[in-house]
Amino acid sequence: MLTKRKKANEIGKTSRHATDTGSPEVQVAVLTRRIEELSVHLDKNRKDKHSRRGLLGLVADRRKHLKYLEANNKRAYGTLVKKLGLKR
């Protein structure tokens, strides 16, 4: 589970300014962290179909944010993909 401390850490790494919590970069970083944690859970609990459905929703949501960021700010998109280690 993503705790407040972990979420604040991710926000601090990728925010544009001190009070930034809603930019696409921050949202993608938080979603990526949630996806990683849920993937670990699903490795241990293979029959948890409800969590798997949630994971697919998070991945789709992250893809939409990345697509928006790529269309509107290519430089920020490139640096974010490198920073998070995504395959795109």
PDB file of N, CA and C in Angstrom:
ATOM      1  N   MET A   1       0.834  -1.181   0.000  1.00  0.00           N
ATOM      2  CA  MET A   1       0.000   0.000   0.000  1.00  0.00           C
ATOM      3  C   MET A   1       0.879   1.245   0.000  1.00  0.00           C
ATOM      4  N   LEU A   2       0.458   2.244  -0.725  1.00  0.00           N
ATOM      5  CA  LEU A   2       1.215   3.483  -0.841  1.00  0.00           C
ATOM      6  C   LEU A   2       0.906   4.374   0.361  1.00  0.00           C
ATOM      7  N   THR A   3       1.882   4.549   1.233  1.00  0.00           N
ATOM      8  CA  THR A   3       1.674   5.367   2.424  1.00  0.00           C
ATOM      9  C   THR A   3       1.841   6.847   2.077  1.00  0.00           C
ATOM     10  N   LYS A   4       1.451   7.705   3.013  1.00  0.00           N
ATOM     11  CA  LYS A   4       1.571   9.146   2.786  1.00  0.00           C
ATOM     12  C   LYS A   4       3.025   9.550   2.594  1.00  0.00           C
ATOM     13  N   ARG A   5       3.906   8.922   3.339  1.00  0.00           N
ATOM     14  CA  ARG A   5       5.328   9.256   3.252  1.00  0.00           C
ATOM     15  C   ARG A   5       5.894   8.884   1.880  1.00  0.00           C
ATOM     16  N   LYS A   6       5.542   7.685   1.383  1.00  0.00           N
ATOM     17  CA  LYS A   6       6.029   7.262   0.072  1.00  0.00           C
ATOM     18  C   LYS A   6       5.474   8.165  -1.032  1.00  0.00           C
ATOM     19  N   LYS A   7       4.189   8.498  -0.905  1.00  0.00           N
ATOM     20  CA  LYS A   7       3.562   9.356  -1.902  1.00  0.00           C
ATOM     21  C   LYS A   7       4.196  10.744  -1.895  1.00  0.00           C
ATOM     22  N   ALA A   8       4.447  11.298  -0.712  1.00  0.00           N
ATOM     23  CA  ALA A   8       5.083  12.607  -0.613  1.00  0.00           C
ATOM     24  C   ALA A   8       6.490  12.574  -1.193  1.00  0.00           C
ATOM     25  N   ASN A   9       7.181  11.464  -1.020  1.00  0.00           N
ATOM     26  CA  ASN A   9       8.517  11.308  -1.573  1.00  0.00           C
ATOM     27  C   ASN A   9       8.475  11.332  -3.100  1.00  0.00           C
ATOM     28  N   GLU A  10       7.537  10.618  -3.692  1.00  0.00           N
ATOM     29  CA  GLU A  10       7.391  10.603  -5.149  1.00  0.00           C
ATOM     30  C   GLU A  10       7.015  11.990  -5.674  1.00  0.00           C
ATOM     31  N   ILE A  11       6.133  12.675  -4.952  1.00  0.00           N
ATOM     32  CA  ILE A  11       5.724  14.015  -5.366  1.00  0.00           C
ATOM     33  C   ILE A  11       6.924  14.962  -5.302  1.00  0.00           C
ATOM     34  N   GLY A  12       7.714  14.843  -4.247  1.00  0.00           N
ATOM     35  CA  GLY A  12       8.880  15.703  -4.095  1.00  0.00           C
ATOM     36  C   GLY A  12       9.908  15.513  -5.194  1.00  0.00           C
ATOM     37  N   LYS A  13      10.054  14.303  -5.674  1.00  0.00           N
ATOM     38  CA  LYS A  13      11.034  14.024  -6.722  1.00  0.00           C
ATOM     39  C   LYS A  13      10.637  14.611  -8.076  1.00  0.00           C
ATOM     40  N   THR A  14       9.332  14.660  -8.372  1.00  0.00           N
ATOM     41  CA  THR A  14       8.907  15.002  -9.726  1.00  0.00           C
ATOM     42  C   THR A  14       8.088  16.276  -9.831  1.00  0.00           C
ATOM     43  N   SER A  15       7.856  16.981  -8.745  1.00  0.00           N
ATOM     44  CA  SER A  15       6.999  18.166  -8.805  1.00  0.00           C
ATOM     45  C   SER A  15       7.695  19.322  -9.516  1.00  0.00           C
ATOM     46  N   ARG A  16       6.904  20.172 -10.129  1.00  0.00           N
ATOM     47  CA  ARG A  16       7.421  21.337 -10.841  1.00  0.00           C
ATOM     48  C   ARG A  16       7.762  22.466  -9.876  1.00  0.00           C
ATOM     49  N   HIS A  17       6.959  22.598  -8.813  1.00  0.00           N
ATOM     50  CA  HIS A  17       7.197  23.623  -7.799  1.00  0.00           C
ATOM     51  C   HIS A  17       6.769  23.082  -6.442  1.00  0.00           C
ATOM     52  N   ALA A  18       6.884  23.866  -5.407  1.00  0.00           N
ATOM     53  CA  ALA A  18       6.705  23.379  -4.034  1.00  0.00           C
ATOM     54  C   ALA A  18       5.312  22.823  -3.742  1.00  0.00           C
ATOM     55  N   THR A  19       4.268  23.402  -4.317  1.00  0.00           N
ATOM     56  CA  THR A  19       2.910  22.960  -4.002  1.00  0.00           C
ATOM     57  C   THR A  19       2.281  22.158  -5.136  1.00  0.00           C
ATOM     58  N   ASP A  20       3.087  21.642  -6.040  1.00  0.00           N
ATOM     59  CA  ASP A  20       2.589  20.904  -7.200  1.00  0.00           C
ATOM     60  C   ASP A  20       2.218  19.480  -6.815  1.00  0.00           C
ATOM     61  N   THR A  21       0.938  19.138  -6.985  1.00  0.00           N
ATOM     62  CA  THR A  21       0.506  17.757  -6.747  1.00  0.00           C
ATOM     63  C   THR A  21      -0.315  17.214  -7.897  1.00  0.00           C
ATOM     64  N   GLY A  22      -0.653  18.035  -8.885  1.00  0.00           N
ATOM     65  CA  GLY A  22      -1.552  17.587  -9.928  1.00  0.00           C
ATOM     66  C   GLY A  22      -0.997  17.582 -11.332  1.00  0.00           C
ATOM     67  N   SER A  23       0.259  17.936 -11.498  1.00  0.00           N
ATOM     68  CA  SER A  23       0.821  17.945 -12.847  1.00  0.00           C
ATOM     69  C   SER A  23       0.913  16.511 -13.374  1.00  0.00           C
ATOM     70  N   PRO A  24       0.922  16.351 -14.681  1.00  0.00           N
ATOM     71  CA  PRO A  24       0.997  15.001 -15.253  1.00  0.00           C
ATOM     72  C   PRO A  24       2.230  14.228 -14.790  1.00  0.00           C
ATOM     73  N   GLU A  25       3.347  14.923 -14.610  1.00  0.00           N
ATOM     74  CA  GLU A  25       4.569  14.251 -14.159  1.00  0.00           C
ATOM     75  C   GLU A  25       4.383  13.625 -12.787  1.00  0.00           C
ATOM     76  N   VAL A  26       3.769  14.375 -11.883  1.00  0.00           N
ATOM     77  CA  VAL A  26       3.541  13.871 -10.522  1.00  0.00           C
ATOM     78  C   VAL A  26       2.555  12.716 -10.550  1.00  0.00           C
ATOM     79  N   GLN A  27       1.497  12.860 -11.322  1.00  0.00           N
ATOM     80  CA  GLN A  27       0.487  11.802 -11.374  1.00  0.00           C
ATOM     81  C   GLN A  27       1.066  10.509 -11.941  1.00  0.00           C
ATOM     82  N   VAL A  28       1.891  10.626 -12.968  1.00  0.00           N
ATOM     83  CA  VAL A  28       2.515   9.433 -13.547  1.00  0.00           C
ATOM     84  C   VAL A  28       3.457   8.785 -12.533  1.00  0.00           C
ATOM     85  N   ALA A  29       4.210   9.584 -11.790  1.00  0.00           N
ATOM     86  CA  ALA A  29       5.138   9.038 -10.801  1.00  0.00           C
ATOM     87  C   ALA A  29       4.396   8.295  -9.699  1.00  0.00           C
ATOM     88  N   VAL A  30       3.296   8.863  -9.214  1.00  0.00           N
ATOM     89  CA  VAL A  30       2.513   8.211  -8.154  1.00  0.00           C
ATOM     90  C   VAL A  30       1.870   6.938  -8.691  1.00  0.00           C
ATOM     91  N   LEU A  31       1.327   7.008  -9.897  1.00  0.00           N
ATOM     92  CA  LEU A  31       0.722   5.809 -10.488  1.00  0.00           C
ATOM     93  C   LEU A  31       1.760   4.711 -10.690  1.00  0.00           C
ATOM     94  N   THR A  32       2.960   5.088 -11.116  1.00  0.00           N
ATOM     95  CA  THR A  32       4.024   4.106 -11.325  1.00  0.00           C
ATOM     96  C   THR A  32       4.368   3.416 -10.020  1.00  0.00           C
ATOM     97  N   ARG A  33       4.455   4.171  -8.944  1.00  0.00           N
ATOM     98  CA  ARG A  33       4.763   3.586  -7.627  1.00  0.00           C
ATOM     99  C   ARG A  33       3.661   2.629  -7.189  1.00  0.00           C
ATOM    100  N   ARG A  34       2.389   3.015  -7.402  1.00  0.00           N
ATOM    101  CA  ARG A  34       1.273   2.138  -7.043  1.00  0.00           C
ATOM    102  C   ARG A  34       1.286   0.865  -7.884  1.00  0.00           C
ATOM    103  N   ILE A  35       1.611   1.003  -9.177  1.00  0.00           N
ATOM    104  CA  ILE A  35       1.663  -0.156 -10.067  1.00  0.00           C
ATOM    105  C   ILE A  35       2.753  -1.121  -9.617  1.00  0.00           C
ATOM    106  N   GLU A  36       3.915  -0.595  -9.254  1.00  0.00           N
ATOM    107  CA  GLU A  36       5.011  -1.450  -8.793  1.00  0.00           C
ATOM    108  C   GLU A  36       4.618  -2.224  -7.538  1.00  0.00           C
ATOM    109  N   GLU A  37       3.991  -1.537  -6.580  1.00  0.00           N
ATOM    110  CA  GLU A  37       3.606  -2.205  -5.335  1.00  0.00           C
ATOM    111  C   GLU A  37       2.517  -3.250  -5.578  1.00  0.00           C
ATOM    112  N   LEU A  38       1.572  -2.941  -6.444  1.00  0.00           N
ATOM    113  CA  LEU A  38       0.504  -3.891  -6.733  1.00  0.00           C
ATOM    114  C   LEU A  38       1.034  -5.090  -7.513  1.00  0.00           C
ATOM    115  N   SER A  39       2.038  -4.886  -8.339  1.00  0.00           N
ATOM    116  CA  SER A  39       2.640  -5.995  -9.081  1.00  0.00           C
ATOM    117  C   SER A  39       3.315  -6.981  -8.126  1.00  0.00           C
ATOM    118  N   VAL A  40       3.991  -6.446  -7.111  1.00  0.00           N
ATOM    119  CA  VAL A  40       4.614  -7.313  -6.111  1.00  0.00           C
ATOM    120  C   VAL A  40       3.546  -8.117  -5.379  1.00  0.00           C
ATOM    121  N   HIS A  41       2.436  -7.468  -5.045  1.00  0.00           N
ATOM    122  CA  HIS A  41       1.340  -8.162  -4.359  1.00  0.00           C
ATOM    123  C   HIS A  41       0.789  -9.287  -5.229  1.00  0.00           C
ATOM    124  N   LEU A  42       0.647  -9.004  -6.528  1.00  0.00           N
ATOM    125  CA  LEU A  42       0.063 -10.014  -7.419  1.00  0.00           C
ATOM    126  C   LEU A  42       1.024 -11.157  -7.706  1.00  0.00           C
ATOM    127  N   ASP A  43       2.323 -10.933  -7.563  1.00  0.00           N
ATOM    128  CA  ASP A  43       3.269 -12.041  -7.701  1.00  0.00           C
ATOM    129  C   ASP A  43       3.073 -13.057  -6.580  1.00  0.00           C
ATOM    130  N   LYS A  44       2.741 -12.558  -5.406  1.00  0.00           N
ATOM    131  CA  LYS A  44       2.531 -13.443  -4.259  1.00  0.00           C
ATOM    132  C   LYS A  44       1.127 -14.041  -4.244  1.00  0.00           C
ATOM    133  N   ASN A  45       0.148 -13.295  -4.739  1.00  0.00           N
ATOM    134  CA  ASN A  45      -1.259 -13.710  -4.682  1.00  0.00           C
ATOM    135  C   ASN A  45      -1.822 -13.807  -6.092  1.00  0.00           C
ATOM    136  N   ARG A  46      -1.500 -14.883  -6.758  1.00  0.00           N
ATOM    137  CA  ARG A  46      -1.850 -15.030  -8.168  1.00  0.00           C
ATOM    138  C   ARG A  46      -3.357 -15.096  -8.428  1.00  0.00           C
ATOM    139  N   LYS A  47      -4.145 -15.535  -7.477  1.00  0.00           N
ATOM    140  CA  LYS A  47      -5.571 -15.689  -7.707  1.00  0.00           C
ATOM    141  C   LYS A  47      -6.387 -14.450  -7.352  1.00  0.00           C
ATOM    142  N   ASP A  48      -5.741 -13.383  -6.991  1.00  0.00           N
ATOM    143  CA  ASP A  48      -6.433 -12.153  -6.609  1.00  0.00           C
ATOM    144  C   ASP A  48      -6.875 -11.399  -7.862  1.00  0.00           C
ATOM    145  N   LYS A  49      -8.011 -11.788  -8.399  1.00  0.00           N
ATOM    146  CA  LYS A  49      -8.498 -11.216  -9.657  1.00  0.00           C
ATOM    147  C   LYS A  49      -8.975  -9.784  -9.493  1.00  0.00           C
ATOM    148  N   HIS A  50      -9.500  -9.429  -8.327  1.00  0.00           N
ATOM    149  CA  HIS A  50      -9.992  -8.072  -8.115  1.00  0.00           C
ATOM    150  C   HIS A  50      -8.846  -7.061  -8.140  1.00  0.00           C
ATOM    151  N   SER A  51      -7.742  -7.398  -7.527  1.00  0.00           N
ATOM    152  CA  SER A  51      -6.591  -6.497  -7.543  1.00  0.00           C
ATOM    153  C   SER A  51      -5.973  -6.423  -8.938  1.00  0.00           C
ATOM    154  N   ARG A  52      -6.038  -7.518  -9.676  1.00  0.00           N
ATOM    155  CA  ARG A  52      -5.506  -7.512 -11.039  1.00  0.00           C
ATOM    156  C   ARG A  52      -6.306  -6.550 -11.914  1.00  0.00           C
ATOM    157  N   ARG A  53      -7.608  -6.516 -11.706  1.00  0.00           N
ATOM    158  CA  ARG A  53      -8.443  -5.585 -12.475  1.00  0.00           C
ATOM    159  C   ARG A  53      -8.094  -4.149 -12.115  1.00  0.00           C
ATOM    160  N   GLY A  54      -7.852  -3.902 -10.847  1.00  0.00           N
ATOM    161  CA  GLY A  54      -7.431  -2.572 -10.430  1.00  0.00           C
ATOM    162  C   GLY A  54      -6.100  -2.181 -11.037  1.00  0.00           C
ATOM    163  N   LEU A  55      -5.185  -3.137 -11.123  1.00  0.00           N
ATOM    164  CA  LEU A  55      -3.877  -2.886 -11.726  1.00  0.00           C
ATOM    165  C   LEU A  55      -4.031  -2.489 -13.191  1.00  0.00           C
ATOM    166  N   LEU A  56      -4.882  -3.176 -13.913  1.00  0.00           N
ATOM    167  CA  LEU A  56      -5.097  -2.846 -15.318  1.00  0.00           C
ATOM    168  C   LEU A  56      -5.661  -1.439 -15.478  1.00  0.00           C
ATOM    169  N   GLY A  57      -6.528  -1.031 -14.549  1.00  0.00           N
ATOM    170  CA  GLY A  57      -7.054   0.332 -14.581  1.00  0.00           C
ATOM    171  C   GLY A  57      -5.967   1.362 -14.335  1.00  0.00           C
ATOM    172  N   LEU A  58      -5.060   1.080 -13.391  1.00  0.00           N
ATOM    173  CA  LEU A  58      -3.959   1.998 -13.109  1.00  0.00           C
ATOM    174  C   LEU A  58      -3.022   2.124 -14.309  1.00  0.00           C
ATOM    175  N   VAL A  59      -2.755   1.002 -14.962  1.00  0.00           N
ATOM    176  CA  VAL A  59      -1.874   1.021 -16.137  1.00  0.00           C
ATOM    177  C   VAL A  59      -2.516   1.833 -17.258  1.00  0.00           C
ATOM    178  N   ALA A  60      -3.816   1.674 -17.456  1.00  0.00           N
ATOM    179  CA  ALA A  60      -4.512   2.439 -18.494  1.00  0.00           C
ATOM    180  C   ALA A  60      -4.502   3.929 -18.164  1.00  0.00           C
ATOM    181  N   ASP A  61      -4.686   4.251 -16.905  1.00  0.00           N
ATOM    182  CA  ASP A  61      -4.673   5.645 -16.470  1.00  0.00           C
ATOM    183  C   ASP A  61      -3.298   6.270 -16.687  1.00  0.00           C
ATOM    184  N   ARG A  62      -2.242   5.536 -16.349  1.00  0.00           N
ATOM    185  CA  ARG A  62      -0.887   6.030 -16.549  1.00  0.00           C
ATOM    186  C   ARG A  62      -0.609   6.236 -18.037  1.00  0.00           C
ATOM    187  N   ARG A  63      -1.081   5.321 -18.860  1.00  0.00           N
ATOM    188  CA  ARG A  63      -0.877   5.443 -20.300  1.00  0.00           C
ATOM    189  C   ARG A  63      -1.534   6.711 -20.837  1.00  0.00           C
ATOM    190  N   LYS A  64      -2.735   7.034 -20.342  1.00  0.00           N
ATOM    191  CA  LYS A  64      -3.421   8.248 -20.784  1.00  0.00           C
ATOM    192  C   LYS A  64      -2.634   9.492 -20.381  1.00  0.00           C
ATOM    193  N   HIS A  65      -2.140   9.511 -19.153  1.00  0.00           N
ATOM    194  CA  HIS A  65      -1.348  10.660 -18.699  1.00  0.00           C
ATOM    195  C   HIS A  65      -0.065  10.802 -19.520  1.00  0.00           C
ATOM    196  N   LEU A  66       0.590   9.689 -19.813  1.00  0.00           N
ATOM    197  CA  LEU A  66       1.815   9.744 -20.607  1.00  0.00           C
ATOM    198  C   LEU A  66       1.538  10.222 -22.031  1.00  0.00           C
ATOM    199  N   LYS A  67       0.429   9.783 -22.592  1.00  0.00           N
ATOM    200  CA  LYS A  67       0.068  10.203 -23.933  1.00  0.00           C
ATOM    201  C   LYS A  67      -0.202  11.711 -23.975  1.00  0.00           C
ATOM    202  N   TYR A  68      -0.872  12.219 -22.948  1.00  0.00           N
ATOM    203  CA  TYR A  68      -1.122  13.654 -22.859  1.00  0.00           C
ATOM    204  C   TYR A  68       0.191  14.423 -22.744  1.00  0.00           C
ATOM    205  N   LEU A  69       1.062  13.949 -21.881  1.00  0.00           N
ATOM    206  CA  LEU A  69       2.336  14.625 -21.651  1.00  0.00           C
ATOM    207  C   LEU A  69       3.191  14.608 -22.911  1.00  0.00           C
ATOM    208  N   GLU A  70       3.186  13.498 -23.635  1.00  0.00           N
ATOM    209  CA  GLU A  70       3.963  13.406 -24.870  1.00  0.00           C
ATOM    210  C   GLU A  70       3.453  14.388 -25.916  1.00  0.00           C
ATOM    211  N   ALA A  71       2.148  14.562 -25.977  1.00  0.00           N
ATOM    212  CA  ALA A  71       1.567  15.463 -26.972  1.00  0.00           C
ATOM    213  C   ALA A  71       1.821  16.930 -26.631  1.00  0.00           C
ATOM    214  N   ASN A  72       1.875  17.264 -25.351  1.00  0.00           N
ATOM    215  CA  ASN A  72       1.947  18.664 -24.961  1.00  0.00           C
ATOM    216  C   ASN A  72       3.322  19.154 -24.522  1.00  0.00           C
ATOM    217  N   ASN A  73       4.188  18.248 -24.039  1.00  0.00           N
ATOM    218  CA  ASN A  73       5.496  18.677 -23.549  1.00  0.00           C
ATOM    219  C   ASN A  73       6.491  17.536 -23.730  1.00  0.00           C
ATOM    220  N   LYS A  74       7.067  17.455 -24.900  1.00  0.00           N
ATOM    221  CA  LYS A  74       7.952  16.337 -25.228  1.00  0.00           C
ATOM    222  C   LYS A  74       9.187  16.281 -24.342  1.00  0.00           C
ATOM    223  N   ARG A  75       9.729  17.435 -23.983  1.00  0.00           N
ATOM    224  CA  ARG A  75      10.934  17.459 -23.155  1.00  0.00           C
ATOM    225  C   ARG A  75      10.648  16.871 -21.765  1.00  0.00           C
ATOM    226  N   ALA A  76       9.535  17.284 -21.161  1.00  0.00           N
ATOM    227  CA  ALA A  76       9.161  16.759 -19.841  1.00  0.00           C
ATOM    228  C   ALA A  76       8.857  15.266 -19.931  1.00  0.00           C
ATOM    229  N   TYR A  77       8.250  14.865 -21.047  1.00  0.00           N
ATOM    230  CA  TYR A  77       7.943  13.448 -21.259  1.00  0.00           C
ATOM    231  C   TYR A  77       9.223  12.611 -21.299  1.00  0.00           C
ATOM    232  N   GLY A  78      10.209  13.077 -22.053  1.00  0.00           N
ATOM    233  CA  GLY A  78      11.470  12.339 -22.178  1.00  0.00           C
ATOM    234  C   GLY A  78      12.201  12.216 -20.859  1.00  0.00           C
ATOM    235  N   THR A  79      12.271  13.315 -20.113  1.00  0.00           N
ATOM    236  CA  THR A  79      12.975  13.251 -18.826  1.00  0.00           C
ATOM    237  C   THR A  79      12.239  12.370 -17.828  1.00  0.00           C
ATOM    238  N   LEU A  80      10.904  12.406 -17.846  1.00  0.00           N
ATOM    239  CA  LEU A  80      10.127  11.582 -16.914  1.00  0.00           C
ATOM    240  C   LEU A  80      10.290  10.099 -17.213  1.00  0.00           C
ATOM    241  N   VAL A  81      10.261   9.738 -18.486  1.00  0.00           N
ATOM    242  CA  VAL A  81      10.423   8.329 -18.854  1.00  0.00           C
ATOM    243  C   VAL A  81      11.794   7.805 -18.440  1.00  0.00           C
ATOM    244  N   LYS A  82      12.821   8.641 -18.609  1.00  0.00           N
ATOM    245  CA  LYS A  82      14.161   8.233 -18.182  1.00  0.00           C
ATOM    246  C   LYS A  82      14.249   8.116 -16.669  1.00  0.00           C
ATOM    247  N   LYS A  83      13.662   9.085 -15.970  1.00  0.00           N
ATOM    248  CA  LYS A  83      13.735   9.108 -14.511  1.00  0.00           C
ATOM    249  C   LYS A  83      13.021   7.909 -13.885  1.00  0.00           C
ATOM    250  N   LEU A  84      11.868   7.547 -14.456  1.00  0.00           N
ATOM    251  CA  LEU A  84      11.088   6.441 -13.888  1.00  0.00           C
ATOM    252  C   LEU A  84      11.498   5.088 -14.458  1.00  0.00           C
ATOM    253  N   GLY A  85      12.269   5.087 -15.528  1.00  0.00           N
ATOM    254  CA  GLY A  85      12.708   3.833 -16.126  1.00  0.00           C
ATOM    255  C   GLY A  85      11.613   3.092 -16.853  1.00  0.00           C
ATOM    256  N   LEU A  86      10.751   3.826 -17.531  1.00  0.00           N
ATOM    257  CA  LEU A  86       9.665   3.208 -18.290  1.00  0.00           C
ATOM    258  C   LEU A  86      10.165   2.784 -19.650  1.00  0.00           C
ATOM    259  N   LYS A  87       9.476   1.883 -20.299  1.00  0.00           N
ATOM    260  CA  LYS A  87       9.934   1.299 -21.561  1.00  0.00           C
ATOM    261  C   LYS A  87       9.659   2.166 -22.770  1.00  0.00           C
ATOM    262  N   ARG A  88       8.807   3.151 -22.672  1.00  0.00           N
ATOM    263  CA  ARG A  88       8.413   3.951 -23.830  1.00  0.00           C
ATOM    264  C   ARG A  88       9.540   4.641 -24.466  1.00  0.00           C
TER     265      ARG A  88
END
